[in-house]
N, C-alpha and C. Protein backbone atom coordinates (compact mmCIF):
# COMPACT_ATOMS: atom_id res chain seq x y z
N UNK A 1 -31.65 13.86 4.14
CA UNK A 1 -30.67 13.02 3.49
C UNK A 1 -29.33 13.78 3.36
N UNK A 2 -29.39 15.06 3.08
CA UNK A 2 -28.17 15.85 2.96
C UNK A 2 -27.44 15.92 4.30
N UNK A 3 -28.20 16.02 5.38
CA UNK A 3 -27.59 16.07 6.72
C UNK A 3 -26.89 14.74 7.04
N UNK A 4 -27.53 13.63 6.70
CA UNK A 4 -26.92 12.32 6.93
C UNK A 4 -25.64 12.17 6.12
N UNK A 5 -25.68 12.66 4.87
CA UNK A 5 -24.48 12.59 4.03
C UNK A 5 -23.36 13.42 4.63
N UNK A 6 -23.69 14.62 5.12
CA UNK A 6 -22.68 15.48 5.75
C UNK A 6 -22.09 14.79 6.97
N UNK A 7 -22.92 14.16 7.80
CA UNK A 7 -22.41 13.44 8.97
C UNK A 7 -21.51 12.28 8.56
N UNK A 8 -21.90 11.60 7.48
CA UNK A 8 -21.11 10.47 6.99
C UNK A 8 -19.74 10.95 6.52
N UNK A 9 -19.72 12.02 5.74
CA UNK A 9 -18.47 12.53 5.19
C UNK A 9 -17.56 13.06 6.28
N UNK A 10 -18.13 13.66 7.31
CA UNK A 10 -17.32 14.29 8.34
C UNK A 10 -16.83 13.31 9.41
N UNK A 11 -17.18 12.05 9.31
CA UNK A 11 -16.67 11.09 10.28
C UNK A 11 -15.17 10.90 10.05
N UNK A 12 -14.48 10.53 11.07
CA UNK A 12 -13.03 10.38 11.00
C UNK A 12 -12.59 9.33 10.01
N UNK A 13 -13.34 8.25 9.88
CA UNK A 13 -12.92 7.15 9.01
C UNK A 13 -12.85 7.59 7.55
N UNK A 14 -13.84 8.36 7.10
CA UNK A 14 -13.86 8.79 5.71
C UNK A 14 -12.71 9.76 5.44
N UNK A 15 -12.49 10.68 6.36
CA UNK A 15 -11.40 11.65 6.20
C UNK A 15 -10.06 10.90 6.18
N UNK A 16 -9.88 9.94 7.10
CA UNK A 16 -8.64 9.15 7.13
C UNK A 16 -8.44 8.39 5.83
N UNK A 17 -9.52 7.83 5.30
CA UNK A 17 -9.43 7.09 4.04
C UNK A 17 -9.02 8.02 2.90
N UNK A 18 -9.60 9.21 2.85
CA UNK A 18 -9.26 10.16 1.80
C UNK A 18 -7.78 10.55 1.88
N UNK A 19 -7.31 10.81 3.07
CA UNK A 19 -5.90 11.16 3.25
C UNK A 19 -5.01 10.00 2.83
N UNK A 20 -5.40 8.79 3.19
CA UNK A 20 -4.60 7.61 2.83
C UNK A 20 -4.53 7.43 1.32
N UNK A 21 -5.64 7.65 0.63
CA UNK A 21 -5.64 7.50 -0.83
C UNK A 21 -4.73 8.55 -1.48
N UNK A 22 -4.81 9.79 -1.00
CA UNK A 22 -3.95 10.83 -1.56
C UNK A 22 -2.48 10.55 -1.28
N UNK A 23 -2.16 10.11 -0.07
CA UNK A 23 -0.78 9.79 0.25
C UNK A 23 -0.29 8.58 -0.55
N UNK A 24 -1.16 7.61 -0.76
CA UNK A 24 -0.77 6.44 -1.55
C UNK A 24 -0.42 6.84 -2.98
N UNK A 25 -1.19 7.77 -3.55
CA UNK A 25 -0.88 8.25 -4.89
C UNK A 25 0.48 8.95 -4.93
N UNK A 26 0.74 9.77 -3.93
CA UNK A 26 2.02 10.48 -3.87
C UNK A 26 3.17 9.51 -3.67
N UNK A 27 3.00 8.56 -2.77
CA UNK A 27 4.05 7.56 -2.53
C UNK A 27 4.26 6.73 -3.79
N UNK A 28 3.18 6.41 -4.50
CA UNK A 28 3.30 5.66 -5.75
C UNK A 28 4.14 6.40 -6.78
N UNK A 29 3.94 7.71 -6.90
CA UNK A 29 4.75 8.49 -7.83
C UNK A 29 6.22 8.51 -7.42
N UNK A 30 6.46 8.65 -6.13
CA UNK A 30 7.85 8.66 -5.64
C UNK A 30 8.51 7.31 -5.89
N UNK A 31 7.80 6.24 -5.60
CA UNK A 31 8.37 4.90 -5.78
C UNK A 31 8.60 4.61 -7.27
N UNK A 32 7.64 5.00 -8.12
CA UNK A 32 7.83 4.80 -9.56
C UNK A 32 9.05 5.57 -10.06
N UNK A 33 9.21 6.79 -9.59
CA UNK A 33 10.39 7.56 -9.96
C UNK A 33 11.66 6.90 -9.47
N UNK A 34 11.64 6.38 -8.25
CA UNK A 34 12.80 5.69 -7.70
C UNK A 34 13.15 4.46 -8.53
N UNK A 35 12.12 3.69 -8.88
CA UNK A 35 12.36 2.47 -9.66
C UNK A 35 12.87 2.82 -11.05
N UNK A 36 12.18 3.73 -11.75
CA UNK A 36 12.53 4.01 -13.14
C UNK A 36 13.82 4.82 -13.28
N UNK A 37 14.04 5.75 -12.36
CA UNK A 37 15.17 6.66 -12.53
C UNK A 37 16.43 6.25 -11.76
N UNK A 38 16.28 5.41 -10.75
CA UNK A 38 17.44 5.04 -9.94
C UNK A 38 17.73 3.54 -10.02
N UNK A 39 16.74 2.72 -9.71
CA UNK A 39 16.98 1.28 -9.62
C UNK A 39 17.19 0.62 -10.98
N UNK A 40 16.33 0.93 -11.96
CA UNK A 40 16.44 0.24 -13.24
C UNK A 40 17.74 0.57 -13.98
N UNK A 41 18.26 1.81 -13.93
CA UNK A 41 19.59 2.03 -14.53
C UNK A 41 20.68 1.21 -13.84
N UNK A 42 20.58 1.06 -12.52
CA UNK A 42 21.56 0.23 -11.80
C UNK A 42 21.45 -1.22 -12.24
N UNK A 43 20.21 -1.72 -12.32
CA UNK A 43 20.00 -3.11 -12.77
C UNK A 43 20.49 -3.26 -14.21
N UNK A 44 20.19 -2.27 -15.04
CA UNK A 44 20.66 -2.31 -16.43
C UNK A 44 22.17 -2.30 -16.53
N UNK A 45 22.84 -1.56 -15.64
CA UNK A 45 24.30 -1.52 -15.63
C UNK A 45 24.87 -2.90 -15.33
N UNK A 46 24.29 -3.58 -14.34
CA UNK A 46 24.80 -4.91 -13.97
C UNK A 46 24.40 -6.00 -14.94
N UNK A 47 23.43 -5.72 -15.80
CA UNK A 47 23.04 -6.71 -16.81
C UNK A 47 23.62 -6.37 -18.18
N UNK A 48 24.63 -5.53 -18.19
CA UNK A 48 25.31 -5.22 -19.45
C UNK A 48 24.64 -4.12 -20.25
N UNK A 49 23.96 -3.21 -19.61
CA UNK A 49 23.33 -2.09 -20.31
C UNK A 49 21.97 -2.40 -20.88
N UNK A 50 21.37 -3.49 -20.46
CA UNK A 50 20.05 -3.86 -20.98
C UNK A 50 18.99 -3.02 -20.28
N UNK A 51 18.13 -2.39 -21.10
CA UNK A 51 16.98 -1.67 -20.57
C UNK A 51 15.79 -2.60 -20.68
N UNK A 52 15.29 -3.06 -19.54
CA UNK A 52 14.23 -4.04 -19.55
C UNK A 52 12.98 -3.56 -20.28
N UNK A 53 12.71 -2.27 -20.25
CA UNK A 53 11.48 -1.78 -20.89
C UNK A 53 11.54 -1.95 -22.41
N UNK A 54 12.74 -2.13 -22.97
CA UNK A 54 12.87 -2.32 -24.41
C UNK A 54 12.79 -3.80 -24.83
N UNK A 55 12.80 -4.70 -23.89
CA UNK A 55 12.75 -6.13 -24.24
C UNK A 55 11.35 -6.51 -24.69
N UNK A 56 11.30 -7.16 -25.85
CA UNK A 56 10.00 -7.57 -26.39
C UNK A 56 10.18 -8.65 -27.44
N UNK A 57 9.10 -9.35 -27.70
CA UNK A 57 9.05 -10.33 -28.79
C UNK A 57 8.08 -9.76 -29.81
N UNK A 58 8.59 -9.42 -30.98
CA UNK A 58 7.77 -8.81 -32.01
C UNK A 58 6.99 -9.88 -32.74
N UNK A 59 5.67 -9.75 -32.75
CA UNK A 59 4.81 -10.70 -33.45
C UNK A 59 4.60 -10.27 -34.90
N UNK A 60 4.42 -8.96 -35.11
CA UNK A 60 4.33 -8.44 -36.47
C UNK A 60 4.92 -7.04 -36.48
N UNK A 61 5.70 -6.77 -37.51
CA UNK A 61 6.36 -5.47 -37.64
C UNK A 61 5.34 -4.38 -37.97
N UNK A 62 5.71 -3.16 -37.63
CA UNK A 62 4.86 -2.02 -37.97
C UNK A 62 4.95 -1.76 -39.47
N UNK A 63 3.83 -1.32 -40.03
CA UNK A 63 3.80 -0.96 -41.44
C UNK A 63 3.84 0.56 -41.51
N UNK A 64 4.85 1.07 -42.22
CA UNK A 64 5.05 2.52 -42.31
C UNK A 64 4.84 2.94 -43.76
N UNK A 65 4.02 3.98 -43.94
CA UNK A 65 3.74 4.49 -45.28
C UNK A 65 4.95 5.27 -45.79
N UNK A 66 4.90 5.65 -47.06
CA UNK A 66 6.01 6.36 -47.69
C UNK A 66 6.24 7.72 -47.05
N UNK A 67 5.18 8.32 -46.50
CA UNK A 67 5.33 9.65 -45.89
C UNK A 67 5.79 9.56 -44.43
N UNK A 68 6.04 8.37 -43.95
CA UNK A 68 6.57 8.20 -42.60
C UNK A 68 5.51 7.96 -41.52
N UNK A 69 4.24 7.94 -41.89
CA UNK A 69 3.20 7.69 -40.89
C UNK A 69 3.01 6.19 -40.72
N UNK A 70 2.66 5.80 -39.54
CA UNK A 70 2.46 4.38 -39.23
C UNK A 70 1.04 4.01 -39.63
N UNK A 71 0.91 3.07 -40.57
CA UNK A 71 -0.43 2.64 -40.98
C UNK A 71 -0.90 1.46 -40.16
N UNK A 72 0.03 0.65 -39.71
CA UNK A 72 -0.30 -0.47 -38.84
C UNK A 72 0.78 -0.54 -37.77
N UNK A 73 0.38 -0.39 -36.47
CA UNK A 73 1.41 -0.40 -35.42
C UNK A 73 1.99 -1.79 -35.20
N UNK A 74 3.15 -1.79 -34.61
CA UNK A 74 3.84 -3.04 -34.30
C UNK A 74 3.04 -3.81 -33.23
N UNK A 75 3.01 -5.11 -33.40
CA UNK A 75 2.37 -5.98 -32.41
C UNK A 75 3.49 -6.77 -31.73
N UNK A 76 3.61 -6.59 -30.39
CA UNK A 76 4.72 -7.23 -29.68
C UNK A 76 4.30 -7.60 -28.27
N UNK A 77 4.96 -8.64 -27.77
CA UNK A 77 4.81 -9.02 -26.36
C UNK A 77 5.92 -8.30 -25.61
N UNK A 78 5.54 -7.36 -24.78
CA UNK A 78 6.52 -6.51 -24.08
C UNK A 78 6.83 -7.10 -22.71
N UNK A 79 7.59 -8.16 -22.68
CA UNK A 79 7.90 -8.81 -21.41
C UNK A 79 8.87 -7.99 -20.57
N UNK A 80 9.60 -7.09 -21.16
CA UNK A 80 10.50 -6.21 -20.41
C UNK A 80 9.73 -5.25 -19.52
N UNK A 81 8.63 -4.72 -20.03
CA UNK A 81 7.78 -3.84 -19.22
C UNK A 81 7.20 -4.62 -18.05
N UNK A 82 6.90 -5.89 -18.28
CA UNK A 82 6.36 -6.75 -17.21
C UNK A 82 7.43 -6.98 -16.13
N UNK A 83 8.69 -7.17 -16.56
CA UNK A 83 9.78 -7.32 -15.59
C UNK A 83 9.92 -6.04 -14.77
N UNK A 84 9.82 -4.88 -15.44
CA UNK A 84 9.86 -3.61 -14.72
C UNK A 84 8.74 -3.53 -13.68
N UNK A 85 7.55 -4.00 -14.05
CA UNK A 85 6.42 -3.98 -13.12
C UNK A 85 6.67 -4.87 -11.91
N UNK A 86 7.31 -6.02 -12.13
CA UNK A 86 7.61 -6.92 -11.02
C UNK A 86 8.64 -6.29 -10.09
N UNK A 87 9.68 -5.68 -10.66
CA UNK A 87 10.68 -5.00 -9.83
C UNK A 87 10.01 -3.87 -9.05
N UNK A 88 9.12 -3.13 -9.72
CA UNK A 88 8.38 -2.05 -9.07
C UNK A 88 7.55 -2.60 -7.91
N UNK A 89 6.86 -3.71 -8.11
CA UNK A 89 6.04 -4.32 -7.07
C UNK A 89 6.89 -4.73 -5.87
N UNK A 90 8.04 -5.31 -6.12
CA UNK A 90 8.92 -5.75 -5.03
C UNK A 90 9.40 -4.55 -4.23
N UNK A 91 9.78 -3.49 -4.93
CA UNK A 91 10.26 -2.30 -4.22
C UNK A 91 9.12 -1.63 -3.44
N UNK A 92 7.94 -1.52 -4.04
CA UNK A 92 6.79 -0.94 -3.33
C UNK A 92 6.46 -1.77 -2.10
N UNK A 93 6.45 -3.08 -2.25
CA UNK A 93 6.17 -3.96 -1.11
C UNK A 93 7.20 -3.77 0.00
N UNK A 94 8.46 -3.65 -0.37
CA UNK A 94 9.50 -3.46 0.63
C UNK A 94 9.37 -2.12 1.33
N UNK A 95 9.08 -1.07 0.56
CA UNK A 95 8.90 0.27 1.15
C UNK A 95 7.70 0.26 2.10
N UNK A 96 6.59 -0.35 1.68
CA UNK A 96 5.42 -0.42 2.57
C UNK A 96 5.73 -1.23 3.82
N UNK A 97 6.50 -2.29 3.68
CA UNK A 97 6.91 -3.08 4.84
C UNK A 97 7.69 -2.21 5.82
N UNK A 98 8.63 -1.42 5.31
CA UNK A 98 9.42 -0.54 6.17
C UNK A 98 8.55 0.52 6.84
N UNK A 99 7.60 1.07 6.10
CA UNK A 99 6.71 2.08 6.67
C UNK A 99 5.87 1.49 7.79
N UNK A 100 5.28 0.33 7.55
CA UNK A 100 4.43 -0.30 8.57
C UNK A 100 5.26 -0.71 9.78
N UNK A 101 6.46 -1.22 9.53
CA UNK A 101 7.32 -1.63 10.64
C UNK A 101 7.71 -0.42 11.50
N UNK A 102 8.09 0.69 10.87
CA UNK A 102 8.44 1.88 11.65
C UNK A 102 7.23 2.47 12.34
N UNK A 103 6.07 2.41 11.70
CA UNK A 103 4.84 2.91 12.34
C UNK A 103 4.52 2.09 13.59
N UNK A 104 4.68 0.79 13.50
CA UNK A 104 4.40 -0.06 14.66
C UNK A 104 5.37 0.21 15.81
N UNK A 105 6.60 0.60 15.51
CA UNK A 105 7.55 0.93 16.57
C UNK A 105 7.20 2.26 17.23
N UNK A 106 6.73 3.22 16.45
CA UNK A 106 6.43 4.55 16.96
C UNK A 106 5.09 4.59 17.69
N UNK A 107 4.15 3.80 17.24
CA UNK A 107 2.80 3.82 17.79
C UNK A 107 2.82 3.48 19.27
N UNK A 108 2.00 4.18 20.03
CA UNK A 108 1.92 3.92 21.46
C UNK A 108 1.31 2.54 21.69
N UNK A 109 1.86 1.80 22.62
CA UNK A 109 1.24 0.50 22.92
C UNK A 109 -0.13 0.72 23.58
N UNK A 110 -1.00 -0.21 23.36
CA UNK A 110 -2.33 -0.11 23.95
C UNK A 110 -2.22 -0.20 25.46
N UNK A 111 -3.03 0.61 26.11
CA UNK A 111 -3.04 0.60 27.58
C UNK A 111 -3.62 -0.73 28.04
N UNK A 112 -3.02 -1.32 29.06
CA UNK A 112 -3.57 -2.59 29.53
C UNK A 112 -4.97 -2.35 30.10
N UNK A 113 -5.83 -3.32 29.95
CA UNK A 113 -7.19 -3.14 30.45
C UNK A 113 -7.18 -2.99 31.97
N UNK A 114 -8.11 -2.20 32.45
CA UNK A 114 -8.22 -1.98 33.89
C UNK A 114 -8.54 -3.31 34.57
N UNK A 115 -7.95 -3.52 35.74
CA UNK A 115 -8.24 -4.78 36.41
C UNK A 115 -9.72 -4.86 36.76
N UNK A 116 -10.24 -6.04 36.58
CA UNK A 116 -11.67 -6.24 36.85
C UNK A 116 -11.89 -6.31 38.35
N UNK A 117 -12.96 -5.67 38.75
CA UNK A 117 -13.35 -5.74 40.15
C UNK A 117 -14.18 -6.98 40.40
N UNK A 118 -14.58 -7.17 41.61
CA UNK A 118 -15.41 -8.34 41.89
C UNK A 118 -16.78 -8.20 41.23
N UNK A 119 -17.33 -9.34 40.87
CA UNK A 119 -18.66 -9.34 40.26
C UNK A 119 -19.71 -9.07 41.32
N UNK A 120 -20.92 -8.84 40.87
CA UNK A 120 -22.02 -8.55 41.79
C UNK A 120 -22.27 -9.74 42.72
N UNK A 121 -22.16 -10.93 42.19
CA UNK A 121 -22.38 -12.13 43.01
C UNK A 121 -21.31 -12.25 44.09
N UNK A 122 -20.05 -11.94 43.71
CA UNK A 122 -18.97 -12.02 44.70
C UNK A 122 -19.16 -10.98 45.81
N UNK A 123 -19.60 -9.78 45.45
CA UNK A 123 -19.86 -8.76 46.46
C UNK A 123 -20.98 -9.20 47.40
N UNK A 124 -22.04 -9.75 46.83
CA UNK A 124 -23.16 -10.20 47.67
C UNK A 124 -22.73 -11.35 48.58
N UNK A 125 -21.85 -12.21 48.06
CA UNK A 125 -21.35 -13.31 48.89
C UNK A 125 -20.51 -12.76 50.04
N UNK A 126 -19.67 -11.76 49.77
CA UNK A 126 -18.86 -11.16 50.83
C UNK A 126 -19.73 -10.47 51.88
N UNK A 127 -20.77 -9.78 51.45
CA UNK A 127 -21.68 -9.12 52.40
C UNK A 127 -22.39 -10.15 53.25
N UNK A 128 -22.83 -11.24 52.62
CA UNK A 128 -23.52 -12.29 53.36
C UNK A 128 -22.60 -12.89 54.42
N UNK A 129 -21.34 -13.15 54.02
CA UNK A 129 -20.40 -13.75 54.97
C UNK A 129 -20.10 -12.78 56.12
N UNK A 130 -19.98 -11.49 55.84
CA UNK A 130 -19.76 -10.51 56.90
C UNK A 130 -20.96 -10.44 57.86
N UNK A 131 -22.15 -10.51 57.31
CA UNK A 131 -23.34 -10.48 58.15
C UNK A 131 -23.44 -11.73 59.03
N UNK A 132 -23.01 -12.85 58.49
CA UNK A 132 -23.05 -14.09 59.28
C UNK A 132 -22.08 -14.02 60.45
N UNK A 133 -20.95 -13.36 60.25
CA UNK A 133 -19.94 -13.26 61.32
C UNK A 133 -20.44 -12.35 62.45
N UNK A 134 -21.30 -11.40 62.15
CA UNK A 134 -21.74 -10.48 63.20
C UNK A 134 -22.82 -11.05 64.01
C-alpha cells in the first residue's frame, strides 16, 4: 500500500496540482495586496474619500464597560467589506483571464494528427486488383 501511495504521489498530475495550489495562494496574496493597497484607495479617492471597508449598518451598538473593555461587541451589517470582496473578485477574474489568455498564446499548438493510411480492407482490395491485372 505504501508503494502504491508513493507511485500516486509521484505522478505528474499530483505534483502539478500541488504547484498550482501553492501558486494560487501566492497570486491570491498579490492580488489582495493590489486590491487593498492600490485599487481601493483610488476608488475611495474618486468616491470622495469613502473607505468601503468602513461602510456598515449598525444593528446594535457595542457596550463598553467603565474600564474601557467591550462587554458586548457591536452588531453590524458590513456591506462595505462585501463591496470590497466584489471588487476583489472582479480584479482576480480579470487577472486570471489575462494569465490564461497569455498562456494560450505562448503554448505550442497541437501537432496535427498524422495522415491516416489506407485501411486493411483497402490494401487487400488494391492487392486483389493488382493480381487480377496480371
